[in-house]
Every structure is written in structure tokens, then in C-alpha cells.
C-alpha atoms as a PDB file:
ATOM      1  CA  MET A   1      18.124 -23.104  48.383  1.00  0.00           C
ATOM      2  CA  ILE A   2      19.034 -25.333  51.047  1.00  0.00           C
ATOM      3  CA  ASN A   3      20.994 -24.989  54.262  1.00  0.00           C
ATOM      4  CA  LEU A   4      21.601 -28.234  55.902  1.00  0.00           C
ATOM      5  CA  LYS A   5      23.765 -26.833  58.679  1.00  0.00           C
ATOM      6  CA  HIS A   6      23.642 -29.546  61.407  1.00  0.00           C
ATOM      7  CA  SER A   7      21.026 -28.841  64.242  1.00  0.00           C
ATOM      8  CA  LYS A   8      21.261 -30.617  67.677  1.00  0.00           C
ATOM      9  CA  SER A   9      17.274 -30.260  68.129  1.00  0.00           C
ATOM     10  CA  GLY A  10      16.439 -31.924  64.850  1.00  0.00           C
ATOM     11  CA  GLY A  11      14.203 -28.943  63.933  1.00  0.00           C
ATOM     12  CA  PHE A  12      13.999 -27.680  60.342  1.00  0.00           C
ATOM     13  CA  VAL A  13      12.287 -24.594  58.529  1.00  0.00           C
ATOM     14  CA  TRP A  14      10.956 -24.618  55.088  1.00  0.00           C
ATOM     15  CA  LEU A  15      10.278 -21.086  53.645  1.00  0.00           C
ATOM     16  CA  VAL A  16       7.397 -21.962  51.313  1.00  0.00           C
ATOM     17  CA  GLY A  17       5.631 -19.811  48.671  1.00  0.00           C
ATOM     18  CA  ALA A  18       1.935 -20.208  48.891  1.00  0.00           C
ATOM     19  CA  GLY A  19       1.519 -18.604  45.498  1.00  0.00           C
ATOM     20  CA  PRO A  20      -0.681 -15.632  44.476  1.00  0.00           C
ATOM     21  CA  GLY A  21      -4.026 -16.604  45.836  1.00  0.00           C
ATOM     22  CA  ALA A  22      -5.837 -19.687  44.424  1.00  0.00           C
ATOM     23  CA  ALA A  23      -4.939 -22.679  46.673  1.00  0.00           C
ATOM     24  CA  ASP A  24      -4.168 -25.023  43.931  1.00  0.00           C
ATOM     25  CA  LEU A  25      -1.271 -22.799  42.651  1.00  0.00           C
ATOM     26  CA  ILE A  26       1.039 -23.928  45.436  1.00  0.00           C
ATOM     27  CA  THR A  27       3.794 -26.063  44.246  1.00  0.00           C
ATOM     28  CA  VAL A  28       3.601 -29.923  44.651  1.00  0.00           C
ATOM     29  CA  ARG A  29       6.616 -29.651  46.952  1.00  0.00           C
ATOM     30  CA  GLY A  30       5.008 -26.819  49.061  1.00  0.00           C
ATOM     31  CA  LEU A  31       1.666 -29.010  49.457  1.00  0.00           C
ATOM     32  CA  ARG A  32       3.484 -32.055  50.505  1.00  0.00           C
ATOM     33  CA  LEU A  33       5.562 -30.161  53.141  1.00  0.00           C
ATOM     34  CA  LEU A  34       2.350 -28.722  54.678  1.00  0.00           C
ATOM     35  CA  GLN A  35       0.740 -32.235  54.761  1.00  0.00           C
ATOM     36  CA  SER A  36       3.690 -33.273  57.008  1.00  0.00           C
ATOM     37  CA  ALA A  37       4.606 -30.215  59.055  1.00  0.00           C
ATOM     38  CA  GLU A  38       4.477 -30.131  62.730  1.00  0.00           C
ATOM     39  CA  ALA A  39       3.959 -26.345  62.860  1.00  0.00           C
ATOM     40  CA  VAL A  40       2.919 -23.825  60.182  1.00  0.00           C
ATOM     41  CA  VAL A  41       3.610 -20.148  60.413  1.00  0.00           C
ATOM     42  CA  TYR A  42       1.444 -18.268  57.924  1.00  0.00           C
ATOM     43  CA  ASP A  43       0.768 -14.731  56.711  1.00  0.00           C
ATOM     44  CA  ASP A  44      -2.577 -12.982  56.322  1.00  0.00           C
ATOM     45  CA  LEU A  45      -2.330 -13.158  52.442  1.00  0.00           C
ATOM     46  CA  THR A  46      -1.897 -16.806  52.208  1.00  0.00           C
ATOM     47  CA  ASN A  47      -5.034 -18.756  51.261  1.00  0.00           C
ATOM     48  CA  ARG A  48      -6.653 -20.350  54.402  1.00  0.00           C
ATOM     49  CA  GLU A  49      -7.814 -23.343  52.192  1.00  0.00           C
ATOM     50  CA  LEU A  50      -4.322 -24.630  52.349  1.00  0.00           C
ATOM     51  CA  LEU A  51      -4.400 -25.161  56.072  1.00  0.00           C
ATOM     52  CA  GLN A  52      -6.825 -27.877  55.555  1.00  0.00           C
ATOM     53  CA  TYR A  53      -4.017 -30.193  54.173  1.00  0.00           C
ATOM     54  CA  CYS A  54      -2.260 -29.851  57.579  1.00  0.00           C
ATOM     55  CA  LEU A  55      -2.192 -32.689  60.155  1.00  0.00           C
ATOM     56  CA  PRO A  56      -4.651 -32.466  62.884  1.00  0.00           C
ATOM     57  CA  THR A  57      -1.813 -32.240  65.279  1.00  0.00           C
ATOM     58  CA  CYS A  58      -0.192 -29.466  63.326  1.00  0.00           C
ATOM     59  CA  GLU A  59       0.466 -26.241  65.351  1.00  0.00           C
ATOM     60  CA  LEU A  60      -1.224 -23.282  63.368  1.00  0.00           C
ATOM     61  CA  HIS A  61       0.368 -19.797  64.042  1.00  0.00           C
ATOM     62  CA  SER A  62      -1.222 -16.817  62.280  1.00  0.00           C
ATOM     63  CA  VAL A  63       1.214 -13.808  62.129  1.00  0.00           C
ATOM     64  CA  GLY A  64      -0.844 -11.532  60.040  1.00  0.00           C
ATOM     65  CA  LYS A  65       1.374  -8.913  58.208  1.00  0.00           C
ATOM     66  CA  ARG A  66      -1.158  -7.214  56.154  1.00  0.00           C
ATOM     67  CA  ALA A  67      -0.294  -3.548  55.505  1.00  0.00           C
ATOM     68  CA  GLY A  68      -1.613  -1.201  58.216  1.00  0.00           C
ATOM     69  CA  SER A  69      -2.796  -4.342  60.644  1.00  0.00           C
ATOM     70  CA  HIS A  70       0.310  -6.292  61.407  1.00  0.00           C
ATOM     71  CA  SER A  71      -0.448  -8.968  64.261  1.00  0.00           C
ATOM     72  CA  ALA A  72       3.210  -9.714  64.813  1.00  0.00           C
ATOM     73  CA  SER A  73       6.401  -7.804  64.121  1.00  0.00           C
ATOM     74  CA  GLN A  74       9.117  -9.177  61.946  1.00  0.00           C
ATOM     75  CA  GLY A  75      11.203  -9.642  65.143  1.00  0.00           C
ATOM     76  CA  GLU A  76       8.532 -11.655  66.791  1.00  0.00           C
ATOM     77  CA  ILE A  77       8.194 -13.885  63.712  1.00  0.00           C
ATOM     78  CA  ASN A  78      11.864 -14.524  63.681  1.00  0.00           C
ATOM     79  CA  THR A  79      11.817 -15.410  67.386  1.00  0.00           C
ATOM     80  CA  LEU A  80       8.809 -17.792  66.674  1.00  0.00           C
ATOM     81  CA  LEU A  81      10.643 -19.671  63.855  1.00  0.00           C
ATOM     82  CA  VAL A  82      13.804 -20.044  65.899  1.00  0.00           C
ATOM     83  CA  SER A  83      11.689 -21.213  69.019  1.00  0.00           C
ATOM     84  CA  LEU A  84       9.646 -23.791  67.154  1.00  0.00           C
ATOM     85  CA  ALA A  85      12.669 -25.269  65.146  1.00  0.00           C
ATOM     86  CA  GLY A  86      14.851 -25.054  68.212  1.00  0.00           C
ATOM     87  CA  ALA A  87      12.243 -27.328  70.051  1.00  0.00           C
ATOM     88  CA  GLY A  88      12.761 -29.847  67.212  1.00  0.00           C
ATOM     89  CA  ARG A  89       9.675 -29.084  65.126  1.00  0.00           C
ATOM     90  CA  LYS A  90       9.315 -29.472  61.423  1.00  0.00           C
ATOM     91  CA  VAL A  91       8.256 -25.990  60.472  1.00  0.00           C
ATOM     92  CA  VAL A  92       6.583 -24.667  57.380  1.00  0.00           C
ATOM     93  CA  ARG A  93       6.763 -20.741  57.178  1.00  0.00           C
ATOM     94  CA  LEU A  94       3.999 -20.229  54.484  1.00  0.00           C
ATOM     95  CA  LYS A  95       4.217 -16.791  52.638  1.00  0.00           C
ATOM     96  CA  GLY A  96       2.045 -15.332  49.971  1.00  0.00           C
ATOM     97  CA  GLY A  97       3.578 -15.424  46.444  1.00  0.00           C
ATOM     98  CA  ASP A  98       7.312 -16.272  46.504  1.00  0.00           C
ATOM     99  CA  PRO A  99       9.212 -16.076  49.758  1.00  0.00           C
ATOM    100  CA  MET A 100      12.185 -14.285  48.135  1.00  0.00           C
ATOM    101  CA  ILE A 101      10.279 -11.409  46.665  1.00  0.00           C
ATOM    102  CA  PHE A 102       9.299  -8.684  49.096  1.00  0.00           C
ATOM    103  CA  GLY A 103       8.542 -11.454  51.612  1.00  0.00           C
ATOM    104  CA  ARG A 104      11.261 -10.529  54.230  1.00  0.00           C
ATOM    105  CA  ALA A 105      12.640 -14.025  53.910  1.00  0.00           C
ATOM    106  CA  GLY A 106      16.126 -12.507  54.184  1.00  0.00           C
ATOM    107  CA  GLU A 107      15.547 -11.560  57.656  1.00  0.00           C
ATOM    108  CA  GLU A 108      14.032 -14.854  58.633  1.00  0.00           C
ATOM    109  CA  ILE A 109      17.035 -16.609  57.081  1.00  0.00           C
ATOM    110  CA  GLU A 110      19.637 -14.444  58.952  1.00  0.00           C
ATOM    111  CA  ALA A 111      17.891 -15.357  62.293  1.00  0.00           C
ATOM    112  CA  LEU A 112      17.850 -19.119  61.508  1.00  0.00           C
ATOM    113  CA  ARG A 113      21.474 -18.930  60.572  1.00  0.00           C
ATOM    114  CA  SER A 114      22.458 -17.188  63.723  1.00  0.00           C
ATOM    115  CA  ALA A 115      20.649 -19.795  65.529  1.00  0.00           C
ATOM    116  CA  GLY A 116      22.422 -22.592  63.864  1.00  0.00           C
ATOM    117  CA  LEU A 117      19.128 -23.999  62.346  1.00  0.00           C
ATOM    118  CA  PRO A 118      18.796 -25.555  59.034  1.00  0.00           C
ATOM    119  CA  PHE A 119      16.197 -24.390  56.351  1.00  0.00           C
ATOM    120  CA  GLU A 120      15.137 -24.807  52.837  1.00  0.00           C
ATOM    121  CA  ILE A 121      13.540 -22.309  50.455  1.00  0.00           C
ATOM    122  CA  VAL A 122      10.631 -23.534  48.335  1.00  0.00           C
ATOM    123  CA  PRO A 123       9.737 -20.983  45.617  1.00  0.00           C
ATOM    124  CA  GLY A 124       6.281 -19.962  44.763  1.00  0.00           C
ATOM    125  CA  VAL A 125       4.331 -18.156  41.931  1.00  0.00           C
ATOM    126  CA  THR A 126       4.731 -14.338  42.581  1.00  0.00           C
ATOM    127  CA  ALA A 127       2.106 -11.847  42.188  1.00  0.00           C
ATOM    128  CA  ALA A 128       3.607 -10.107  39.100  1.00  0.00           C
ATOM    129  CA  THR A 129       3.630 -13.215  36.845  1.00  0.00           C
ATOM    130  CA  ALA A 130       0.210 -14.384  38.208  1.00  0.00           C
ATOM    131  CA  SER A 131      -1.557 -10.983  37.867  1.00  0.00           C
ATOM    132  CA  SER A 132      -0.163 -10.341  34.447  1.00  0.00           C
ATOM    133  CA  ALA A 133      -1.551 -13.842  33.493  1.00  0.00           C
ATOM    134  CA  VAL A 134      -4.998 -13.212  34.622  1.00  0.00           C
ATOM    135  CA  ALA A 135      -4.944  -9.736  32.913  1.00  0.00           C
ATOM    136  CA  GLY A 136      -3.796 -11.325  29.734  1.00  0.00           C
ATOM    137  CA  LEU A 137      -0.791  -9.073  29.453  1.00  0.00           C
ATOM    138  CA  PRO A 138       2.593 -10.113  28.760  1.00  0.00           C
ATOM    139  CA  LEU A 139       5.287  -8.599  31.126  1.00  0.00           C
ATOM    140  CA  THR A 140       7.836  -8.877  28.294  1.00  0.00           C
ATOM    141  CA  HIS A 141       7.288  -8.311  24.468  1.00  0.00           C
ATOM    142  CA  ARG A 142      10.055  -7.885  21.965  1.00  0.00           C
ATOM    143  CA  ASP A 143       8.251  -4.863  20.478  1.00  0.00           C
ATOM    144  CA  HIS A 144       7.655  -3.077  23.627  1.00  0.00           C
ATOM    145  CA  SER A 145       9.616  -4.298  26.730  1.00  0.00           C
ATOM    146  CA  SER A 146      12.753  -6.383  27.113  1.00  0.00           C
ATOM    147  CA  ALA A 147      12.935  -6.010  31.038  1.00  0.00           C
ATOM    148  CA  VAL A 148      10.757  -6.085  34.031  1.00  0.00           C
ATOM    149  CA  VAL A 149      11.487  -4.291  37.247  1.00  0.00           C
ATOM    150  CA  PHE A 150       9.892  -5.268  40.635  1.00  0.00           C
ATOM    151  CA  VAL A 151       9.363  -2.243  43.016  1.00  0.00           C
ATOM    152  CA  THR A 152       7.901  -2.180  46.428  1.00  0.00           C
ATOM    153  CA  GLY A 153       5.116   0.316  46.754  1.00  0.00           C
ATOM    154  CA  HIS A 154       6.002   0.897  50.328  1.00  0.00           C
ATOM    155  CA  GLN A 155       9.041   2.994  49.288  1.00  0.00           C
ATOM    156  CA  CYS A 156       6.974   5.338  46.829  1.00  0.00           C
ATOM    157  CA  ALA A 157       6.256   8.160  49.246  1.00  0.00           C
ATOM    158  CA  ALA A 158       6.394  11.505  47.201  1.00  0.00           C
ATOM    159  CA  ASN A 159       9.641  12.651  48.738  1.00  0.00           C
ATOM    160  CA  THR A 160      11.423   9.463  48.885  1.00  0.00           C
ATOM    161  CA  SER A 161      15.125   8.964  47.666  1.00  0.00           C
ATOM    162  CA  ALA A 162      14.944   5.331  47.930  1.00  0.00           C
ATOM    163  CA  LEU A 163      14.164   5.033  44.203  1.00  0.00           C
ATOM    164  CA  ASP A 164      15.657   6.520  40.973  1.00  0.00           C
ATOM    165  CA  TRP A 165      12.513   7.719  39.377  1.00  0.00           C
ATOM    166  CA  GLY A 166      14.448   9.345  36.467  1.00  0.00           C
ATOM    167  CA  ALA A 167      15.894   5.857  35.712  1.00  0.00           C
ATOM    168  CA  LEU A 168      12.345   4.045  36.032  1.00  0.00           C
ATOM    169  CA  ALA A 169      10.742   6.660  33.881  1.00  0.00           C
ATOM    170  CA  ARG A 170      13.337   6.440  31.138  1.00  0.00           C
ATOM    171  CA  LEU A 171      13.543   2.599  30.894  1.00  0.00           C
ATOM    172  CA  ARG A 172      11.639   0.607  28.203  1.00  0.00           C
ATOM    173  CA  ALA A 173      10.578  -1.724  30.916  1.00  0.00           C
ATOM    174  CA  THR A 174       7.458  -3.178  32.482  1.00  0.00           C
ATOM    175  CA  LEU A 175       7.198  -1.677  36.058  1.00  0.00           C
ATOM    176  CA  CYS A 176       5.461  -4.003  38.497  1.00  0.00           C
ATOM    177  CA  PHE A 177       4.672  -2.244  41.938  1.00  0.00           C
ATOM    178  CA  TYR A 178       3.816  -4.557  44.729  1.00  0.00           C
ATOM    179  CA  MET A 179       1.572  -3.339  47.414  1.00  0.00           C
ATOM    180  CA  GLY A 180       1.304  -0.215  45.331  1.00  0.00           C
ATOM    181  CA  VAL A 181      -2.327   0.810  45.468  1.00  0.00           C
ATOM    182  CA  ARG A 182      -2.234   3.422  48.294  1.00  0.00           C
ATOM    183  CA  ARG A 183       0.765   4.899  46.727  1.00  0.00           C
ATOM    184  CA  LEU A 184      -0.504   4.955  43.156  1.00  0.00           C
ATOM    185  CA  PRO A 185      -1.272   8.690  42.775  1.00  0.00           C
ATOM    186  CA  GLU A 186       2.555   9.466  44.168  1.00  0.00           C
ATOM    187  CA  ILE A 187       3.916   6.736  41.870  1.00  0.00           C
ATOM    188  CA  ALA A 188       2.226   8.329  38.820  1.00  0.00           C
ATOM    189  CA  ARG A 189       3.192  11.964  39.853  1.00  0.00           C
ATOM    190  CA  ASN A 190       6.770  10.647  40.294  1.00  0.00           C
ATOM    191  CA  LEU A 191       6.895   9.164  36.893  1.00  0.00           C
ATOM    192  CA  ARG A 192       5.265  11.862  35.166  1.00  0.00           C
ATOM    193  CA  GLY A 193       7.438  14.381  36.723  1.00  0.00           C
ATOM    194  CA  HIS A 194      10.545  12.408  35.364  1.00  0.00           C
ATOM    195  CA  GLY A 195       9.199  12.394  31.734  1.00  0.00           C
ATOM    196  CA  MET A 196       6.941   9.456  31.382  1.00  0.00           C
ATOM    197  CA  PRO A 197       3.814  10.512  29.555  1.00  0.00           C
ATOM    198  CA  ALA A 198       0.412  10.781  31.209  1.00  0.00           C
ATOM    199  CA  SER A 199      -0.889   8.465  28.532  1.00  0.00           C
ATOM    200  CA  MET A 200       1.326   5.593  29.610  1.00  0.00           C
ATOM    201  CA  PRO A 201      -1.026   2.574  30.285  1.00  0.00           C
ATOM    202  CA  LEU A 202      -1.327   0.838  33.528  1.00  0.00           C
ATOM    203  CA  ALA A 203      -3.233  -1.991  34.957  1.00  0.00           C
ATOM    204  CA  VAL A 204      -4.201  -2.486  38.546  1.00  0.00           C
ATOM    205  CA  ILE A 205      -5.048  -6.144  39.467  1.00  0.00           C
ATOM    206  CA  SER A 206      -6.424  -7.174  42.877  1.00  0.00           C
ATOM    207  CA  GLU A 207      -6.726 -10.554  44.389  1.00  0.00           C
ATOM    208  CA  ALA A 208      -5.389 -12.158  41.267  1.00  0.00           C
ATOM    209  CA  THR A 209      -6.404 -15.891  40.622  1.00  0.00           C
ATOM    210  CA  LEU A 210      -9.264 -15.610  43.224  1.00  0.00           C
ATOM    211  CA  PRO A 211     -12.990 -15.421  42.277  1.00  0.00           C
ATOM    212  CA  THR A 212     -12.924 -11.901  43.570  1.00  0.00           C
ATOM    213  CA  GLN A 213     -10.058 -10.699  41.422  1.00  0.00           C
ATOM    214  CA  LYS A 214     -10.558  -7.356  39.957  1.00  0.00           C
ATOM    215  CA  ILE A 215      -8.829  -5.824  36.863  1.00  0.00           C
ATOM    216  CA  LEU A 216      -8.821  -1.994  36.133  1.00  0.00           C
ATOM    217  CA  ILE A 217      -6.972  -0.619  33.076  1.00  0.00           C
ATOM    218  CA  GLY A 218      -6.166   2.973  32.604  1.00  0.00           C
ATOM    219  CA  THR A 219      -3.391   5.515  32.248  1.00  0.00           C
ATOM    220  CA  LEU A 220      -1.131   7.485  34.670  1.00  0.00           C
ATOM    221  CA  ALA A 221      -3.586  10.317  34.230  1.00  0.00           C
ATOM    222  CA  GLU A 222      -6.112   8.428  35.783  1.00  0.00           C
ATOM    223  CA  ALA A 223      -4.168   6.871  38.671  1.00  0.00           C
ATOM    224  CA  GLU A 224      -5.934   8.469  41.548  1.00  0.00           C
ATOM    225  CA  LYS A 225      -9.353   7.298  40.367  1.00  0.00           C
ATOM    226  CA  LEU A 226      -8.038   3.609  39.910  1.00  0.00           C
ATOM    227  CA  SER A 227      -6.382   3.855  43.213  1.00  0.00           C
ATOM    228  CA  ALA A 228      -9.694   4.921  44.908  1.00  0.00           C
ATOM    229  CA  ASP A 229     -11.651   2.137  43.327  1.00  0.00           C
ATOM    230  CA  LEU A 230      -9.502  -0.317  45.059  1.00  0.00           C
ATOM    231  CA  VAL A 231      -8.506   1.347  48.319  1.00  0.00           C
ATOM    232  CA  GLY A 232      -7.704  -1.091  51.124  1.00  0.00           C
ATOM    233  CA  GLN A 233      -7.210  -4.135  48.776  1.00  0.00           C
ATOM    234  CA  PRO A 234      -3.974  -5.883  48.062  1.00  0.00           C
ATOM    235  CA  ALA A 235      -3.035  -5.368  44.538  1.00  0.00           C
ATOM    236  CA  LEU A 236      -0.426  -5.369  41.972  1.00  0.00           C
ATOM    237  CA  VAL A 237       0.236  -2.267  39.714  1.00  0.00           C
ATOM    238  CA  VAL A 238       1.593  -2.897  36.237  1.00  0.00           C
ATOM    239  CA  ILE A 239       2.856   0.269  34.172  1.00  0.00           C
ATOM    240  CA  GLY A 240       4.186  -0.052  30.667  1.00  0.00           C
ATOM    241  CA  GLU A 241       3.325  -0.340  26.953  1.00  0.00           C
ATOM    242  CA  VAL A 242       2.651  -4.249  27.356  1.00  0.00           C
ATOM    243  CA  VAL A 243      -0.640  -3.286  29.157  1.00  0.00           C
ATOM    244  CA  ARG A 244      -2.030  -2.270  25.907  1.00  0.00           C
ATOM    245  CA  LEU A 245      -1.871  -5.954  24.895  1.00  0.00           C
ATOM    246  CA  SER A 246      -3.924  -6.808  27.796  1.00  0.00           C
ATOM    247  CA  SER A 247      -7.268  -8.684  26.635  1.00  0.00           C
ATOM    248  CA  PHE A 248      -8.944  -6.512  29.098  1.00  0.00           C
ATOM    249  CA  ALA A 249      -7.441  -3.330  27.402  1.00  0.00           C
ATOM    250  CA  ALA A 250      -8.661  -4.520  24.086  1.00  0.00           C
ATOM    251  CA  GLU A 251     -12.299  -5.049  25.468  1.00  0.00           C
ATOM    252  CA  LEU A 252     -12.264  -1.599  26.879  1.00  0.00           C
ATOM    253  CA  SER A 253     -11.156  -0.093  23.613  1.00  0.00           C
ATOM    254  CA  GLN A 254     -14.009  -1.831  21.766  1.00  0.00           C
ATOM    255  CA  LEU A 255     -16.360  -0.592  24.293  1.00  0.00           C
ATOM    256  CA  HIS A 256     -15.050   3.088  24.133  1.00  0.00           C
ATOM    257  CA  ALA A 257     -15.310   2.871  20.171  1.00  0.00           C
ATOM    258  CA  GLN A 258     -18.909   1.484  20.422  1.00  0.00           C
ATOM    259  CA  ALA A 259     -19.811   4.398  22.823  1.00  0.00           C
ATOM    260  CA  VAL A 260     -18.354   6.914  20.437  1.00  0.00           C
ATOM    261  CA  GLU A 261     -20.414   5.435  17.589  1.00  0.00           C
ATOM    262  CA  LEU A 262     -23.664   5.696  19.535  1.00  0.00           C
ATOM    263  CA  LYS A 263     -23.132   9.441  20.253  1.00  0.00           C
END
């Protein structure tokens, strides 16, 4: 998406998706923009290796935004973008994953539009597709799931009314909870309380595409343990029958079968 509204300052903002983690998963367009930017405003979850492609004269602005330890409020980020572009800078707003999926890009777009500043959105590889890929599981499968639902884990408190848990539990869909590890026990209780079986498989993928990635496979009944194993780490939770198709799930099944034979 491009908004080429005229700007007297000559400034411009690109909202760029940095991808899920590995530096080489940014798009070619995103990389080229980094190489020519006059200012880069980046989130905590973006790979710092990408900053080496910036010009020596490029202004680098870290705005944090990891859950529980934000270094800048969204309002402050909006003000910074407007200030930089308003001063005539060519600005890259670098966001983890895809800027339009739980990246609060909508609020930044509103601020830029209100200030009369032009911008372009450069998509990136989002966490759900990257995490499913490294876990060897398909998000869709004609025998198991014909739909995918993206949900933010921040709205998954036990008493929330923001989500229709009954609908989520009844869907033959793959459920992808972004930033859902801390809330995983509550997510599992809500889904089970609305009819989803405790045996429903789930995967928790942390730091996908990085050398430090971790992949845990279990069921809704094991949600609390899985959550405890990855506490404090950014991760994606995938719930649905497709998890049974994961190459890691197959390996765990083989190990379990071997352990049973040895008893």
C-alpha cells in the first residue's frame, strides 16, 4: 500500500516488515530501503544484524516494544515518525514479522495521514507462516483445516469478552496465538471450557528461524507445562489438528513408542 499524499517537507516513511527473525528473511525491497534510509526506527524483536546494512550517517532509533518492558509508548513512536519525516528524512519504520499483523501499524498510519505525510507499507514474513514452516506443519490441510485464525494473546485473559471462545472452539480451523505463551494456560482453559477436547494438539514455537529456536509439541491438557518451559520468550502458539502432521510431532510419537516397547 502506498500513500503518496504531497508533503512539503520531502519526508517519507516506509513501514517495513523485517520478517520473523533470521536477517535474510527480510524482503529484497525492505533491504534496499534500509540501505538508503536516513533514519530507522526499529522494534525490539527485529534482528539487529539488519542494522549493519544502514548507511553510516543513518539515524538509528530503538523503540523497544517487547511485552512488559516497553521503552517507548505508541504515542511517542507516532510523534517520532512524524517529527523525522516532517523534517524531511527518508524513514524506515522497521517492524518484526509483517507490519500489518499485530504490529500497530494502523495507529502509525493514522498519525502520518493526520500530519499529511506520505508513506508506503512493505510486507514481511509473519510469525505464523514462519513458525509453521520451521515446525514442519501446514497451517491448512484439506483433511484437517480449511481456515486459519490469527489471535493476539494479549486479549486472552480468563475473563475477557474480547473473543468469542465458543466460536474458536467449534471452528475446524488452525488457531495461531501471537504473543500467547504467558496466556497459554488461560487460552487452553477457555477453549476446553467451550468444548475443545483436552487432547487437541498444540505447538509452541519460540524464536522461529533463529539458531536459538525452540519447538515444543503437546496438547491442551499440557498447556501449563509447555508455557512454563518458555516463560519470558516471544513465541507463537499453534492449536489444531494440523499439529499432528508436524515432523516434530512424528518424532515425538516415535520416541514415545520406543519408550513403551522398552518398558
